[in-house]
Amino acid sequence: MRTVATLVSAMVLAAWAGPAGAASATAEPEVSQKVVYHNNGGSADISIFIKAEIFFRRLVLGEDVTGLANAPYFNGLLDNIRNHINAMGKDHVRIAVVDHSAGVDLLELANNDKAIAGKLDALRGDGVRFLICENTLRGRHISLGQLYGAKPEDVVPSGVAEIAKLEQVGYVYIHP
C-alpha cells in the first residue's frame, strides 16, 4: 500500500512539474510565479501632518499635489514588489500591476518625485508591467502624456476586468 501511495505521489508530482526536458536552452527560464498587484490607491487614513503638508503645498505654494496623499502607500507598494522580485529572482516571477482609480496617481506623482520615478524605472527594467485603466483615464480626463513612462500598450479597457482576466490565466492576486 505504501509503495502504491509513493508511486501515485511521484506520478502527481511529475504531472505537475511537466515533461522532463520540455524547456529548451533558448527558451526563457520557467516562471515560478505569476502575480497581479492591485493598485487603486492608498488608505484615506493619512496622518494630520501629511494632510497639513498637502494643504500648505496646494493652497499656499500652488503646487500640483496629485498623489501626494497616497505617497506612503505607493512607496510601500513599490517596495513590496521589489522585495518579491528579490526573493524569487527576476527571471522566475512575472508581475503585472493594475493601476485604476486613485492608483493612477502613482504614475502622475512620479513626474515630480524622483524616488518614486527611480523605483518605477528599476521595476520596469526587471520586467514589471504597469497596466493603466482606460476607464479611469477617460473618467478623470487624464492623458497618457501625464503619466510617467506610460505607453499606449500599457492601457487596458478596464482595470478590474484586467485583474479578473489575469487571475483566470493563473495570476495570483495581491492587494497590499
C-alpha atoms as a PDB file:
ATOM      1  CA  MET A   1       0.000   0.000   0.000  1.00  0.00           C
ATOM      2  CA  ARG A   2       2.833   2.363   0.893  1.00  0.00           C
ATOM      3  CA  THR A   3       4.554   1.649  -2.433  1.00  0.00           C
ATOM      4  CA  VAL A   4       1.343   2.477  -4.323  1.00  0.00           C
ATOM      5  CA  ALA A   5       0.988   5.769  -2.417  1.00  0.00           C
ATOM      6  CA  THR A   6       4.607   6.651  -3.186  1.00  0.00           C
ATOM      7  CA  LEU A   7       4.104   5.798  -6.843  1.00  0.00           C
ATOM      8  CA  VAL A   8       0.917   7.875  -7.054  1.00  0.00           C
ATOM      9  CA  SER A   9       2.674  10.802  -5.349  1.00  0.00           C
ATOM     10  CA  ALA A  10       5.549  10.578  -7.815  1.00  0.00           C
ATOM     11  CA  MET A  11       3.132  10.498 -10.758  1.00  0.00           C
ATOM     12  CA  VAL A  12       1.213  13.535  -9.466  1.00  0.00           C
ATOM     13  CA  LEU A  13       4.452  15.433  -8.909  1.00  0.00           C
ATOM     14  CA  ALA A  14       5.712  14.521 -12.389  1.00  0.00           C
ATOM     15  CA  ALA A  15       2.449  15.630 -13.983  1.00  0.00           C
ATOM     16  CA  TRP A  16       2.528  18.917 -12.062  1.00  0.00           C
ATOM     17  CA  ALA A  17       6.170  19.603 -12.909  1.00  0.00           C
ATOM     18  CA  GLY A  18       5.652  18.945 -16.613  1.00  0.00           C
ATOM     19  CA  PRO A  19       7.555  16.757 -19.028  1.00  0.00           C
ATOM     20  CA  ALA A  20      11.264  16.361 -18.401  1.00  0.00           C
ATOM     21  CA  GLY A  21      13.424  18.373 -20.729  1.00  0.00           C
ATOM     22  CA  ALA A  22      10.452  20.395 -22.027  1.00  0.00           C
ATOM     23  CA  ALA A  23      12.354  23.676 -21.803  1.00  0.00           C
ATOM     24  CA  SER A  24      14.932  24.237 -24.484  1.00  0.00           C
ATOM     25  CA  ALA A  25      18.247  26.013 -23.992  1.00  0.00           C
ATOM     26  CA  THR A  26      16.882  29.029 -25.875  1.00  0.00           C
ATOM     27  CA  ALA A  27      13.586  29.234 -24.000  1.00  0.00           C
ATOM     28  CA  GLU A  28      13.003  31.750 -21.239  1.00  0.00           C
ATOM     29  CA  PRO A  29      13.510  30.450 -17.700  1.00  0.00           C
ATOM     30  CA  GLU A  30      10.415  28.853 -16.236  1.00  0.00           C
ATOM     31  CA  VAL A  31       8.331  31.403 -14.373  1.00  0.00           C
ATOM     32  CA  SER A  32       7.578  30.137 -10.870  1.00  0.00           C
ATOM     33  CA  GLN A  33       5.003  32.784 -10.052  1.00  0.00           C
ATOM     34  CA  LYS A  34       2.624  34.998 -11.984  1.00  0.00           C
ATOM     35  CA  VAL A  35       1.276  37.795  -9.816  1.00  0.00           C
ATOM     36  CA  VAL A  36      -1.083  40.715 -10.323  1.00  0.00           C
ATOM     37  CA  TYR A  37      -0.789  43.563  -7.829  1.00  0.00           C
ATOM     38  CA  HIS A  38      -3.971  45.622  -7.487  1.00  0.00           C
ATOM     39  CA  ASN A  39      -3.251  49.341  -7.113  1.00  0.00           C
ATOM     40  CA  ASN A  40      -6.304  51.512  -6.556  1.00  0.00           C
ATOM     41  CA  GLY A  41      -4.549  53.979  -4.297  1.00  0.00           C
ATOM     42  CA  GLY A  42      -3.816  54.041  -0.637  1.00  0.00           C
ATOM     43  CA  SER A  43      -5.756  54.435   2.509  1.00  0.00           C
ATOM     44  CA  ALA A  44      -7.808  57.505   3.318  1.00  0.00           C
ATOM     45  CA  ASP A  45      -6.331  57.240   6.816  1.00  0.00           C
ATOM     46  CA  ILE A  46      -3.363  59.566   6.407  1.00  0.00           C
ATOM     47  CA  SER A  47      -1.810  61.466   9.256  1.00  0.00           C
ATOM     48  CA  ILE A  48      -2.802  65.008  10.102  1.00  0.00           C
ATOM     49  CA  PHE A  49       0.775  66.037   9.283  1.00  0.00           C
ATOM     50  CA  ILE A  50       0.512  64.783   5.705  1.00  0.00           C
ATOM     51  CA  LYS A  51      -2.887  66.463   5.365  1.00  0.00           C
ATOM     52  CA  ALA A  52      -1.392  69.736   6.589  1.00  0.00           C
ATOM     53  CA  GLU A  53       1.545  69.453   4.187  1.00  0.00           C
ATOM     54  CA  ILE A  54      -0.773  68.786   1.254  1.00  0.00           C
ATOM     55  CA  PHE A  55      -2.993  71.714   2.212  1.00  0.00           C
ATOM     56  CA  PHE A  56       0.023  74.040   2.505  1.00  0.00           C
ATOM     57  CA  ARG A  57       1.656  72.913  -0.735  1.00  0.00           C
ATOM     58  CA  ARG A  58      -1.572  73.118  -2.749  1.00  0.00           C
ATOM     59  CA  LEU A  59      -3.076  76.350  -1.412  1.00  0.00           C
ATOM     60  CA  VAL A  60      -0.063  78.362  -0.298  1.00  0.00           C
ATOM     61  CA  LEU A  61       2.614  77.230  -2.742  1.00  0.00           C
ATOM     62  CA  GLY A  62       0.245  76.398  -5.604  1.00  0.00           C
ATOM     63  CA  GLU A  63       1.937  73.046  -6.246  1.00  0.00           C
ATOM     64  CA  ASP A  64       0.434  70.063  -8.006  1.00  0.00           C
ATOM     65  CA  VAL A  65      -0.044  67.613  -5.165  1.00  0.00           C
ATOM     66  CA  THR A  66      -1.694  64.827  -7.155  1.00  0.00           C
ATOM     67  CA  GLY A  67      -0.987  61.529  -5.437  1.00  0.00           C
ATOM     68  CA  LEU A  68       0.862  63.053  -2.508  1.00  0.00           C
ATOM     69  CA  ALA A  69      -1.674  61.712   0.000  1.00  0.00           C
ATOM     70  CA  ASN A  70      -1.004  58.221  -1.337  1.00  0.00           C
ATOM     71  CA  ALA A  71       2.797  58.565  -1.471  1.00  0.00           C
ATOM     72  CA  PRO A  72       3.399  56.373   1.621  1.00  0.00           C
ATOM     73  CA  TYR A  73       1.132  53.668   0.162  1.00  0.00           C
ATOM     74  CA  PHE A  74       2.786  53.903  -3.258  1.00  0.00           C
ATOM     75  CA  ASN A  75       6.268  53.639  -1.744  1.00  0.00           C
ATOM     76  CA  GLY A  76       5.172  50.593   0.247  1.00  0.00           C
ATOM     77  CA  LEU A  77       3.619  49.002  -2.847  1.00  0.00           C
ATOM     78  CA  LEU A  78       6.780  49.510  -4.900  1.00  0.00           C
ATOM     79  CA  ASP A  79       8.938  48.215  -2.041  1.00  0.00           C
ATOM     80  CA  ASN A  80       6.733  45.101  -1.746  1.00  0.00           C
ATOM     81  CA  ILE A  81       7.190  44.412  -5.452  1.00  0.00           C
ATOM     82  CA  ARG A  82      10.960  44.926  -5.177  1.00  0.00           C
ATOM     83  CA  ASN A  83      11.108  42.518  -2.225  1.00  0.00           C
ATOM     84  CA  HIS A  84       9.036  39.999  -4.182  1.00  0.00           C
ATOM     85  CA  ILE A  85      11.456  40.132  -7.127  1.00  0.00           C
ATOM     86  CA  ASN A  86      14.486  39.915  -4.832  1.00  0.00           C
ATOM     87  CA  ALA A  87      13.042  36.836  -3.125  1.00  0.00           C
ATOM     88  CA  MET A  88      12.132  34.994  -6.337  1.00  0.00           C
ATOM     89  CA  GLY A  89      14.669  36.313  -8.825  1.00  0.00           C
ATOM     90  CA  LYS A  90      13.510  38.455 -11.727  1.00  0.00           C
ATOM     91  CA  ASP A  91      13.626  35.527 -14.162  1.00  0.00           C
ATOM     92  CA  HIS A  92      11.273  33.449 -12.015  1.00  0.00           C
ATOM     93  CA  VAL A  93       8.391  35.843 -11.469  1.00  0.00           C
ATOM     94  CA  ARG A  94       6.082  37.684 -13.844  1.00  0.00           C
ATOM     95  CA  ILE A  95       4.426  40.706 -12.245  1.00  0.00           C
ATOM     96  CA  ALA A  96       1.700  42.997 -13.529  1.00  0.00           C
ATOM     97  CA  VAL A  97       0.476  45.997 -11.556  1.00  0.00           C
ATOM     98  CA  VAL A  98      -3.016  47.120 -12.497  1.00  0.00           C
ATOM     99  CA  ASP A  99      -3.470  50.826 -11.767  1.00  0.00           C
ATOM    100  CA  HIS A 100      -7.001  52.214 -11.665  1.00  0.00           C
ATOM    101  CA  SER A 101      -8.937  54.850  -9.777  1.00  0.00           C
ATOM    102  CA  ALA A 102      -6.574  56.684  -7.360  1.00  0.00           C
ATOM    103  CA  GLY A 103      -3.875  54.125  -8.206  1.00  0.00           C
ATOM    104  CA  VAL A 104      -3.191  56.021 -11.442  1.00  0.00           C
ATOM    105  CA  ASP A 105      -1.916  58.862  -9.222  1.00  0.00           C
ATOM    106  CA  LEU A 106       1.242  56.775  -8.762  1.00  0.00           C
ATOM    107  CA  LEU A 107       2.247  57.496 -12.345  1.00  0.00           C
ATOM    108  CA  GLU A 108       1.326  61.180 -12.050  1.00  0.00           C
ATOM    109  CA  LEU A 109       3.235  61.549  -8.778  1.00  0.00           C
ATOM    110  CA  ALA A 110       6.351  60.047 -10.353  1.00  0.00           C
ATOM    111  CA  ASN A 111       6.624  63.081 -12.641  1.00  0.00           C
ATOM    112  CA  ASN A 112       7.625  65.169  -9.610  1.00  0.00           C
ATOM    113  CA  ASP A 113       9.004  62.544  -7.233  1.00  0.00           C
ATOM    114  CA  LYS A 114      12.416  61.288  -8.329  1.00  0.00           C
ATOM    115  CA  ALA A 115      12.494  58.487  -5.745  1.00  0.00           C
ATOM    116  CA  ILE A 116       9.225  57.001  -6.980  1.00  0.00           C
ATOM    117  CA  ALA A 117      10.288  57.512 -10.607  1.00  0.00           C
ATOM    118  CA  GLY A 118      13.527  55.647  -9.893  1.00  0.00           C
ATOM    119  CA  LYS A 119      11.653  52.747  -8.293  1.00  0.00           C
ATOM    120  CA  LEU A 120       9.286  52.555 -11.272  1.00  0.00           C
ATOM    121  CA  ASP A 121      12.201  52.579 -13.731  1.00  0.00           C
ATOM    122  CA  ALA A 122      14.020  49.819 -11.844  1.00  0.00           C
ATOM    123  CA  LEU A 123      10.901  47.639 -11.632  1.00  0.00           C
ATOM    124  CA  ARG A 124      10.115  48.133 -15.309  1.00  0.00           C
ATOM    125  CA  GLY A 125      13.731  47.185 -16.028  1.00  0.00           C
ATOM    126  CA  ASP A 126      13.067  43.918 -14.181  1.00  0.00           C
ATOM    127  CA  GLY A 127      10.040  43.201 -16.366  1.00  0.00           C
ATOM    128  CA  VAL A 128       7.206  44.523 -14.199  1.00  0.00           C
ATOM    129  CA  ARG A 129       4.304  45.822 -16.287  1.00  0.00           C
ATOM    130  CA  PHE A 130       2.237  48.740 -15.043  1.00  0.00           C
ATOM    131  CA  LEU A 131      -1.191  48.471 -16.678  1.00  0.00           C
ATOM    132  CA  ILE A 132      -3.469  51.510 -16.706  1.00  0.00           C
ATOM    133  CA  CYS A 133      -7.279  51.534 -16.694  1.00  0.00           C
ATOM    134  CA  GLU A 134      -8.722  53.357 -19.711  1.00  0.00           C
ATOM    135  CA  ASN A 135     -11.979  53.973 -17.831  1.00  0.00           C
ATOM    136  CA  THR A 136     -10.030  55.873 -15.164  1.00  0.00           C
ATOM    137  CA  LEU A 137      -8.158  57.920 -17.767  1.00  0.00           C
ATOM    138  CA  ARG A 138     -11.397  58.858 -19.505  1.00  0.00           C
ATOM    139  CA  GLY A 139     -13.341  59.499 -16.291  1.00  0.00           C
ATOM    140  CA  ARG A 140     -10.629  61.670 -14.775  1.00  0.00           C
ATOM    141  CA  HIS A 141      -9.660  63.378 -18.048  1.00  0.00           C
ATOM    142  CA  ILE A 142      -6.052  62.202 -17.840  1.00  0.00           C
ATOM    143  CA  SER A 143      -3.947  61.916 -20.973  1.00  0.00           C
ATOM    144  CA  LEU A 144      -1.298  59.249 -21.335  1.00  0.00           C
ATOM    145  CA  GLY A 145       1.319  62.006 -21.575  1.00  0.00           C
ATOM    146  CA  GLN A 146       0.554  62.993 -17.970  1.00  0.00           C
ATOM    147  CA  LEU A 147       1.644  59.580 -16.692  1.00  0.00           C
ATOM    148  CA  TYR A 148       5.295  58.824 -16.043  1.00  0.00           C
ATOM    149  CA  GLY A 149       6.696  56.319 -18.525  1.00  0.00           C
ATOM    150  CA  ALA A 150       3.257  55.265 -19.791  1.00  0.00           C
ATOM    151  CA  LYS A 151       2.903  53.845 -23.289  1.00  0.00           C
ATOM    152  CA  PRO A 152      -0.217  53.058 -25.345  1.00  0.00           C
ATOM    153  CA  GLU A 153       0.364  49.307 -24.873  1.00  0.00           C
ATOM    154  CA  ASP A 154       0.065  49.797 -21.089  1.00  0.00           C
ATOM    155  CA  VAL A 155      -3.582  50.845 -21.333  1.00  0.00           C
ATOM    156  CA  VAL A 156      -6.283  48.233 -20.703  1.00  0.00           C
ATOM    157  CA  PRO A 157     -10.023  48.836 -21.218  1.00  0.00           C
ATOM    158  CA  SER A 158     -10.944  48.201 -17.567  1.00  0.00           C
ATOM    159  CA  GLY A 159      -8.651  47.768 -14.574  1.00  0.00           C
ATOM    160  CA  VAL A 160     -10.901  45.430 -12.645  1.00  0.00           C
ATOM    161  CA  ALA A 161     -11.692  43.368 -15.746  1.00  0.00           C
ATOM    162  CA  GLU A 162      -7.953  43.057 -16.413  1.00  0.00           C
ATOM    163  CA  ILE A 163      -7.372  41.782 -12.888  1.00  0.00           C
ATOM    164  CA  ALA A 164     -10.070  39.132 -13.375  1.00  0.00           C
ATOM    165  CA  LYS A 165      -8.627  38.189 -16.766  1.00  0.00           C
ATOM    166  CA  LEU A 166      -5.142  37.760 -15.308  1.00  0.00           C
ATOM    167  CA  GLU A 167      -6.498  35.647 -12.455  1.00  0.00           C
ATOM    168  CA  GLN A 168      -8.238  33.414 -14.998  1.00  0.00           C
ATOM    169  CA  VAL A 169      -4.891  32.683 -16.682  1.00  0.00           C
ATOM    170  CA  GLY A 170      -3.169  31.785 -13.442  1.00  0.00           C
ATOM    171  CA  TYR A 171      -2.002  35.046 -11.897  1.00  0.00           C
ATOM    172  CA  VAL A 172      -2.195  35.249  -8.110  1.00  0.00           C
ATOM    173  CA  TYR A 173      -3.958  38.361  -6.752  1.00  0.00           C
ATOM    174  CA  ILE A 174      -2.219  40.628  -4.238  1.00  0.00           C
ATOM    175  CA  HIS A 175      -3.619  43.865  -2.855  1.00  0.00           C
ATOM    176  CA  PRO A 176      -1.140  45.324  -0.368  1.00  0.00           C
END
